[in-house]
Amino acid sequence: MQGKVIALLSAILGFIIAIAGGYAAVKFGLMGIAHMTKDQQKIREARDGMTNVAIGLIVVIFASAAVAWLQGLAG
């Protein structure tokens, strides 16, 4: 039973990571396009957006590592 729960949670985590990665790629691309404008306000917003995307990806990576570590502890 415990193995099935861990397998289910691993599958859900993999799905969430895939969605987060795809969203981050699209968002980062859109921010890159916005960064090429001449409007200084939009450039600042795009730079802030890129920073937020990078922070979000770091959070996802650390969360994934934490879950893998907890799975290792659980056996």
PDB file of N, CA and C in Angstrom:
ATOM      1  N   MET A   1       0.826  -1.202   0.000  1.00  0.00           N
ATOM      2  CA  MET A   1       0.000   0.000   0.000  1.00  0.00           C
ATOM      3  C   MET A   1       0.866   1.259   0.000  1.00  0.00           C
ATOM      4  N   GLN A   2       1.887   1.267   0.860  1.00  0.00           N
ATOM      5  CA  GLN A   2       2.749   2.445   0.949  1.00  0.00           C
ATOM      6  C   GLN A   2       3.477   2.689  -0.374  1.00  0.00           C
ATOM      7  N   GLY A   3       3.871   1.608  -1.046  1.00  0.00           N
ATOM      8  CA  GLY A   3       4.552   1.742  -2.331  1.00  0.00           C
ATOM      9  C   GLY A   3       3.667   2.361  -3.395  1.00  0.00           C
ATOM     10  N   LYS A   4       2.370   2.020  -3.368  1.00  0.00           N
ATOM     11  CA  LYS A   4       1.439   2.592  -4.338  1.00  0.00           C
ATOM     12  C   LYS A   4       1.238   4.082  -4.096  1.00  0.00           C
ATOM     13  N   VAL A   5       1.172   4.464  -2.824  1.00  0.00           N
ATOM     14  CA  VAL A   5       0.993   5.883  -2.489  1.00  0.00           C
ATOM     15  C   VAL A   5       2.217   6.676  -2.934  1.00  0.00           C
ATOM     16  N   ILE A   6       3.395   6.141  -2.664  1.00  0.00           N
ATOM     17  CA  ILE A   6       4.627   6.830  -3.065  1.00  0.00           C
ATOM     18  C   ILE A   6       4.715   6.923  -4.588  1.00  0.00           C
ATOM     19  N   ALA A   7       4.326   5.862  -5.279  1.00  0.00           N
ATOM     20  CA  ALA A   7       4.339   5.890  -6.747  1.00  0.00           C
ATOM     21  C   ALA A   7       3.356   6.921  -7.286  1.00  0.00           C
ATOM     22  N   LEU A   8       2.185   7.006  -6.674  1.00  0.00           N
ATOM     23  CA  LEU A   8       1.192   7.996  -7.096  1.00  0.00           C
ATOM     24  C   LEU A   8       1.705   9.413  -6.865  1.00  0.00           C
ATOM     25  N   LEU A   9       2.278   9.648  -5.686  1.00  0.00           N
ATOM     26  CA  LEU A   9       2.811  10.980  -5.389  1.00  0.00           C
ATOM     27  C   LEU A   9       3.972  11.332  -6.317  1.00  0.00           C
ATOM     28  N   SER A  10       4.791  10.357  -6.658  1.00  0.00           N
ATOM     29  CA  SER A  10       5.895  10.597  -7.594  1.00  0.00           C
ATOM     30  C   SER A  10       5.370  10.960  -8.977  1.00  0.00           C
ATOM     31  N   ALA A  11       4.316  10.285  -9.408  1.00  0.00           N
ATOM     32  CA  ALA A  11       3.720  10.596 -10.709  1.00  0.00           C
ATOM     33  C   ALA A  11       3.115  11.994 -10.711  1.00  0.00           C
ATOM     34  N   ILE A  12       2.435  12.342  -9.632  1.00  0.00           N
ATOM     35  CA  ILE A  12       1.843  13.682  -9.524  1.00  0.00           C
ATOM     36  C   ILE A  12       2.940  14.735  -9.524  1.00  0.00           C
ATOM     37  N   LEU A  13       4.011  14.484  -8.777  1.00  0.00           N
ATOM     38  CA  LEU A  13       5.125  15.429  -8.727  1.00  0.00           C
ATOM     39  C   LEU A  13       5.763  15.597 -10.104  1.00  0.00           C
ATOM     40  N   GLY A  14       5.950  14.504 -10.818  1.00  0.00           N
ATOM     41  CA  GLY A  14       6.513  14.589 -12.165  1.00  0.00           C
ATOM     42  C   GLY A  14       5.642  15.411 -13.094  1.00  0.00           C
ATOM     43  N   PHE A  15       4.331  15.232 -12.986  1.00  0.00           N
ATOM     44  CA  PHE A  15       3.393  16.005 -13.801  1.00  0.00           C
ATOM     45  C   PHE A  15       3.474  17.490 -13.455  1.00  0.00           C
ATOM     46  N   ILE A  16       3.514  17.805 -12.176  1.00  0.00           N
ATOM     47  CA  ILE A  16       3.583  19.204 -11.747  1.00  0.00           C
ATOM     48  C   ILE A  16       4.889  19.841 -12.215  1.00  0.00           C
ATOM     49  N   ILE A  17       5.988  19.106 -12.123  1.00  0.00           N
ATOM     50  CA  ILE A  17       7.275  19.637 -12.573  1.00  0.00           C
ATOM     51  C   ILE A  17       7.260  19.887 -14.078  1.00  0.00           C
ATOM     52  N   ALA A  18       6.654  18.986 -14.830  1.00  0.00           N
ATOM     53  CA  ALA A  18       6.565  19.173 -16.283  1.00  0.00           C
ATOM     54  C   ALA A  18       5.735  20.403 -16.624  1.00  0.00           C
ATOM     55  N   ILE A  19       4.615  20.580 -15.952  1.00  0.00           N
ATOM     56  CA  ILE A  19       3.768  21.758 -16.184  1.00  0.00           C
ATOM     57  C   ILE A  19       4.518  23.030 -15.797  1.00  0.00           C
ATOM     58  N   ALA A  20       5.199  23.004 -14.642  1.00  0.00           N
ATOM     59  CA  ALA A  20       5.939  24.185 -14.186  1.00  0.00           C
ATOM     60  C   ALA A  20       7.054  24.541 -15.161  1.00  0.00           C
ATOM     61  N   GLY A  21       7.754  23.537 -15.670  1.00  0.00           N
ATOM     62  CA  GLY A  21       8.826  23.792 -16.633  1.00  0.00           C
ATOM     63  C   GLY A  21       8.306  24.378 -17.929  1.00  0.00           C
ATOM     64  N   GLY A  22       7.209  23.843 -18.425  1.00  0.00           N
ATOM     65  CA  GLY A  22       6.608  24.381 -19.651  1.00  0.00           C
ATOM     66  C   GLY A  22       6.120  25.802 -19.469  1.00  0.00           C
ATOM     67  N   TYR A  23       5.459  26.044 -18.347  1.00  0.00           N
ATOM     68  CA  TYR A  23       4.969  27.394 -18.057  1.00  0.00           C
ATOM     69  C   TYR A  23       6.135  28.365 -17.941  1.00  0.00           C
ATOM     70  N   ALA A  24       7.195  27.943 -17.263  1.00  0.00           N
ATOM     71  CA  ALA A  24       8.355  28.815 -17.089  1.00  0.00           C
ATOM     72  C   ALA A  24       8.999  29.138 -18.432  1.00  0.00           C
ATOM     73  N   ALA A  25       9.089  28.157 -19.313  1.00  0.00           N
ATOM     74  CA  ALA A  25       9.692  28.395 -20.626  1.00  0.00           C
ATOM     75  C   ALA A  25       8.877  29.401 -21.429  1.00  0.00           C
ATOM     76  N   VAL A  26       7.559  29.234 -21.429  1.00  0.00           N
ATOM     77  CA  VAL A  26       6.691  30.163 -22.162  1.00  0.00           C
ATOM     78  C   VAL A  26       6.777  31.556 -21.552  1.00  0.00           C
ATOM     79  N   LYS A  27       6.684  31.633 -20.239  1.00  0.00           N
ATOM     80  CA  LYS A  27       6.710  32.931 -19.558  1.00  0.00           C
ATOM     81  C   LYS A  27       8.057  33.630 -19.778  1.00  0.00           C
ATOM     82  N   PHE A  28       9.148  32.865 -19.693  1.00  0.00           N
ATOM     83  CA  PHE A  28      10.467  33.449 -19.895  1.00  0.00           C
ATOM     84  C   PHE A  28      10.618  33.961 -21.326  1.00  0.00           C
ATOM     85  N   GLY A  29      10.080  33.225 -22.284  1.00  0.00           N
ATOM     86  CA  GLY A  29      10.109  33.674 -23.677  1.00  0.00           C
ATOM     87  C   GLY A  29       9.323  34.954 -23.883  1.00  0.00           C
ATOM     88  N   LEU A  30       8.140  35.017 -23.287  1.00  0.00           N
ATOM     89  CA  LEU A  30       7.328  36.236 -23.403  1.00  0.00           C
ATOM     90  C   LEU A  30       8.011  37.427 -22.746  1.00  0.00           C
ATOM     91  N   MET A  31       8.655  37.187 -21.612  1.00  0.00           N
ATOM     92  CA  MET A  31       9.379  38.274 -20.943  1.00  0.00           C
ATOM     93  C   MET A  31      10.581  38.707 -21.783  1.00  0.00           C
ATOM     94  N   GLY A  32      11.221  37.766 -22.458  1.00  0.00           N
ATOM     95  CA  GLY A  32      12.341  38.110 -23.337  1.00  0.00           C
ATOM     96  C   GLY A  32      11.897  38.977 -24.498  1.00  0.00           C
ATOM     97  N   ILE A  33      10.741  38.663 -25.063  1.00  0.00           N
ATOM     98  CA  ILE A  33      10.199  39.487 -26.149  1.00  0.00           C
ATOM     99  C   ILE A  33       9.852  40.877 -25.628  1.00  0.00           C
ATOM    100  N   ALA A  34       9.245  40.937 -24.452  1.00  0.00           N
ATOM    101  CA  ALA A  34       8.893  42.237 -23.868  1.00  0.00           C
ATOM    102  C   ALA A  34      10.147  43.043 -23.539  1.00  0.00           C
ATOM    103  N   HIS A  35      11.242  42.358 -23.238  1.00  0.00           N
ATOM    104  CA  HIS A  35      12.490  43.044 -22.887  1.00  0.00           C
ATOM    105  C   HIS A  35      13.094  43.760 -24.093  1.00  0.00           C
ATOM    106  N   MET A  36      12.706  43.376 -25.294  1.00  0.00           N
ATOM    107  CA  MET A  36      13.271  43.978 -26.507  1.00  0.00           C
ATOM    108  C   MET A  36      12.577  45.276 -26.908  1.00  0.00           C
ATOM    109  N   THR A  37      11.587  45.718 -26.149  1.00  0.00           N
ATOM    110  CA  THR A  37      10.903  46.965 -26.485  1.00  0.00           C
ATOM    111  C   THR A  37      11.761  48.158 -26.089  1.00  0.00           C
ATOM    112  N   LYS A  38      11.350  49.327 -26.529  1.00  0.00           N
ATOM    113  CA  LYS A  38      12.091  50.541 -26.198  1.00  0.00           C
ATOM    114  C   LYS A  38      11.546  51.228 -24.950  1.00  0.00           C
ATOM    115  N   ASP A  39      10.384  50.813 -24.503  1.00  0.00           N
ATOM    116  CA  ASP A  39       9.757  51.417 -23.332  1.00  0.00           C
ATOM    117  C   ASP A  39      10.477  50.935 -22.069  1.00  0.00           C
ATOM    118  N   GLN A  40      11.064  51.880 -21.330  1.00  0.00           N
ATOM    119  CA  GLN A  40      11.847  51.530 -20.145  1.00  0.00           C
ATOM    120  C   GLN A  40      11.006  50.849 -19.067  1.00  0.00           C
ATOM    121  N   GLN A  41       9.753  51.243 -18.930  1.00  0.00           N
ATOM    122  CA  GLN A  41       8.874  50.620 -17.941  1.00  0.00           C
ATOM    123  C   GLN A  41       8.653  49.140 -18.275  1.00  0.00           C
ATOM    124  N   LYS A  42       8.426  48.843 -19.548  1.00  0.00           N
ATOM    125  CA  LYS A  42       8.219  47.446 -19.951  1.00  0.00           C
ATOM    126  C   LYS A  42       9.497  46.632 -19.798  1.00  0.00           C
ATOM    127  N   ILE A  43      10.631  47.260 -20.012  1.00  0.00           N
ATOM    128  CA  ILE A  43      11.907  46.565 -19.824  1.00  0.00           C
ATOM    129  C   ILE A  43      12.083  46.188 -18.361  1.00  0.00           C
ATOM    130  N   ARG A  44      11.777  47.111 -17.450  1.00  0.00           N
ATOM    131  CA  ARG A  44      11.870  46.812 -16.013  1.00  0.00           C
ATOM    132  C   ARG A  44      10.903  45.699 -15.622  1.00  0.00           C
ATOM    133  N   GLU A  45       9.669  45.768 -16.136  1.00  0.00           N
ATOM    134  CA  GLU A  45       8.678  44.729 -15.834  1.00  0.00           C
ATOM    135  C   GLU A  45       9.133  43.374 -16.367  1.00  0.00           C
ATOM    136  N   ALA A  46       9.716  43.370 -17.560  1.00  0.00           N
ATOM    137  CA  ALA A  46      10.194  42.116 -18.149  1.00  0.00           C
ATOM    138  C   ALA A  46      11.350  41.548 -17.335  1.00  0.00           C
ATOM    139  N   ARG A  47      12.261  42.408 -16.906  1.00  0.00           N
ATOM    140  CA  ARG A  47      13.392  41.953 -16.099  1.00  0.00           C
ATOM    141  C   ARG A  47      12.907  41.373 -14.775  1.00  0.00           C
ATOM    142  N   ASP A  48      11.940  42.051 -14.151  1.00  0.00           N
ATOM    143  CA  ASP A  48      11.362  41.529 -12.908  1.00  0.00           C
ATOM    144  C   ASP A  48      10.653  40.198 -13.155  1.00  0.00           C
ATOM    145  N   GLY A  49       9.961  40.099 -14.277  1.00  0.00           N
ATOM    146  CA  GLY A  49       9.285  38.850 -14.622  1.00  0.00           C
ATOM    147  C   GLY A  49      10.266  37.706 -14.817  1.00  0.00           C
ATOM    148  N   MET A  50      11.386  37.991 -15.491  1.00  0.00           N
ATOM    149  CA  MET A  50      12.405  36.961 -15.686  1.00  0.00           C
ATOM    150  C   MET A  50      12.988  36.513 -14.347  1.00  0.00           C
ATOM    151  N   THR A  51      13.201  37.467 -13.456  1.00  0.00           N
ATOM    152  CA  THR A  51      13.700  37.129 -12.124  1.00  0.00           C
ATOM    153  C   THR A  51      12.706  36.243 -11.389  1.00  0.00           C
ATOM    154  N   ASN A  52      11.429  36.577 -11.477  1.00  0.00           N
ATOM    155  CA  ASN A  52      10.401  35.777 -10.806  1.00  0.00           C
ATOM    156  C   ASN A  52      10.322  34.369 -11.378  1.00  0.00           C
ATOM    157  N   VAL A  53      10.472  34.236 -12.685  1.00  0.00           N
ATOM    158  CA  VAL A  53      10.460  32.909 -13.308  1.00  0.00           C
ATOM    159  C   VAL A  53      11.650  32.091 -12.810  1.00  0.00           C
ATOM    160  N   ALA A  54      12.819  32.709 -12.746  1.00  0.00           N
ATOM    161  CA  ALA A  54      14.006  31.998 -12.270  1.00  0.00           C
ATOM    162  C   ALA A  54      13.834  31.558 -10.817  1.00  0.00           C
ATOM    163  N   ILE A  55      13.293  32.431  -9.985  1.00  0.00           N
ATOM    164  CA  ILE A  55      13.052  32.079  -8.583  1.00  0.00           C
ATOM    165  C   ILE A  55      12.050  30.932  -8.490  1.00  0.00           C
ATOM    166  N   GLY A  56      11.016  30.981  -9.295  1.00  0.00           N
ATOM    167  CA  GLY A  56      10.023  29.908  -9.300  1.00  0.00           C
ATOM    168  C   GLY A  56      10.626  28.572  -9.689  1.00  0.00           C
ATOM    169  N   LEU A  57      11.492  28.574 -10.697  1.00  0.00           N
ATOM    170  CA  LEU A  57      12.149  27.327 -11.103  1.00  0.00           C
ATOM    171  C   LEU A  57      13.062  26.795 -10.004  1.00  0.00           C
ATOM    172  N   ILE A  58      13.745  27.690  -9.319  1.00  0.00           N
ATOM    173  CA  ILE A  58      14.601  27.263  -8.206  1.00  0.00           C
ATOM    174  C   ILE A  58      13.760  26.629  -7.104  1.00  0.00           C
ATOM    175  N   VAL A  59      12.609  27.220  -6.803  1.00  0.00           N
ATOM    176  CA  VAL A  59      11.713  26.652  -5.790  1.00  0.00           C
ATOM    177  C   VAL A  59      11.242  25.266  -6.211  1.00  0.00           C
ATOM    178  N   VAL A  60      10.881  25.100  -7.474  1.00  0.00           N
ATOM    179  CA  VAL A  60      10.425  23.795  -7.968  1.00  0.00           C
ATOM    180  C   VAL A  60      11.548  22.764  -7.866  1.00  0.00           C
ATOM    181  N   ILE A  61      12.756  23.151  -8.211  1.00  0.00           N
ATOM    182  CA  ILE A  61      13.890  22.225  -8.143  1.00  0.00           C
ATOM    183  C   ILE A  61      14.159  21.809  -6.700  1.00  0.00           C
ATOM    184  N   PHE A  62      14.163  22.773  -5.772  1.00  0.00           N
ATOM    185  CA  PHE A  62      14.392  22.434  -4.372  1.00  0.00           C
ATOM    186  C   PHE A  62      13.257  21.594  -3.798  1.00  0.00           C
ATOM    187  N   ALA A  63      12.031  21.864  -4.202  1.00  0.00           N
ATOM    188  CA  ALA A  63      10.902  21.059  -3.732  1.00  0.00           C
ATOM    189  C   ALA A  63      11.028  19.631  -4.242  1.00  0.00           C
ATOM    190  N   SER A  64      11.438  19.487  -5.483  1.00  0.00           N
ATOM    191  CA  SER A  64      11.634  18.154  -6.046  1.00  0.00           C
ATOM    192  C   SER A  64      12.740  17.409  -5.302  1.00  0.00           C
ATOM    193  N   ALA A  65      13.816  18.105  -4.994  1.00  0.00           N
ATOM    194  CA  ALA A  65      14.910  17.481  -4.246  1.00  0.00           C
ATOM    195  C   ALA A  65      14.458  17.091  -2.841  1.00  0.00           C
ATOM    196  N   ALA A  66      13.656  17.933  -2.207  1.00  0.00           N
ATOM    197  CA  ALA A  66      13.157  17.628  -0.864  1.00  0.00           C
ATOM    198  C   ALA A  66      12.253  16.404  -0.885  1.00  0.00           C
ATOM    199  N   VAL A  67      11.408  16.304  -1.891  1.00  0.00           N
ATOM    200  CA  VAL A  67      10.521  15.139  -2.001  1.00  0.00           C
ATOM    201  C   VAL A  67      11.337  13.878  -2.250  1.00  0.00           C
ATOM    202  N   ALA A  68      12.344  13.965  -3.098  1.00  0.00           N
ATOM    203  CA  ALA A  68      13.200  12.801  -3.358  1.00  0.00           C
ATOM    204  C   ALA A  68      13.921  12.375  -2.081  1.00  0.00           C
ATOM    205  N   TRP A  69      14.373  13.334  -1.309  1.00  0.00           N
ATOM    206  CA  TRP A  69      15.042  13.035  -0.041  1.00  0.00           C
ATOM    207  C   TRP A  69      14.078  12.365   0.930  1.00  0.00           C
ATOM    208  N   LEU A  70      12.858  12.887   1.020  1.00  0.00           N
ATOM    209  CA  LEU A  70      11.861  12.285   1.904  1.00  0.00           C
ATOM    210  C   LEU A  70      11.478  10.881   1.442  1.00  0.00           C
ATOM    211  N   GLN A  71      11.427  10.671   0.138  1.00  0.00           N
ATOM    212  CA  GLN A  71      11.145   9.328  -0.377  1.00  0.00           C
ATOM    213  C   GLN A  71      12.266   8.367   0.009  1.00  0.00           C
ATOM    214  N   GLY A  72      13.488   8.857  -0.015  1.00  0.00           N
ATOM    215  CA  GLY A  72      14.618   8.025   0.392  1.00  0.00           C
ATOM    216  C   GLY A  72      14.536   7.654   1.864  1.00  0.00           C
ATOM    217  N   LEU A  73      14.081   8.582   2.687  1.00  0.00           N
ATOM    218  CA  LEU A  73      13.913   8.293   4.111  1.00  0.00           C
ATOM    219  C   LEU A  73      12.784   7.300   4.353  1.00  0.00           C
ATOM    220  N   ALA A  74      11.732   7.409   3.543  1.00  0.00           N
ATOM    221  CA  ALA A  74      10.573   6.530   3.720  1.00  0.00           C
ATOM    222  C   ALA A  74      10.871   5.111   3.242  1.00  0.00           C
ATOM    223  N   GLY A  75      11.843   4.992   2.383  1.00  0.00           N
ATOM    224  CA  GLY A  75      12.210   3.645   1.927  1.00  0.00           C
ATOM    225  C   GLY A  75      11.672   3.294   0.660  1.00  0.00           C
TER     226      GLY A  75
END
